[in-house]
Amino acid sequence: MSQKAWSKRMAVTVRLNDSEQERLRRKAIELNKVLINRGLEPIKDSELVHRILDQAIEATEVSSSGEIIIVLN
């Protein structure tokens, strides 16, 4: 499938377990407090997931032992 065709596909559902959902909710609350204190609009949990994925996908690599890791700069 071409990149163009892939980008036009409908949204895909990703299931988060209870722990992941709770961690995401807590992080969104933490970040939204900062945004609101700076006079900015809060973001939805779903938007936070998109932003995390956008940044993490490019930073994801395979370690020498075969583990999937995110390399932070």
Foldseek 3Di string as FASTA:
>chain_A
DDPVVVVPDDDDDDDDDPVVVVVLVVVQVVVQVVQVVVVHHRDDSVVVVVVCCVQQVVQWDADPVRDIDGDDD
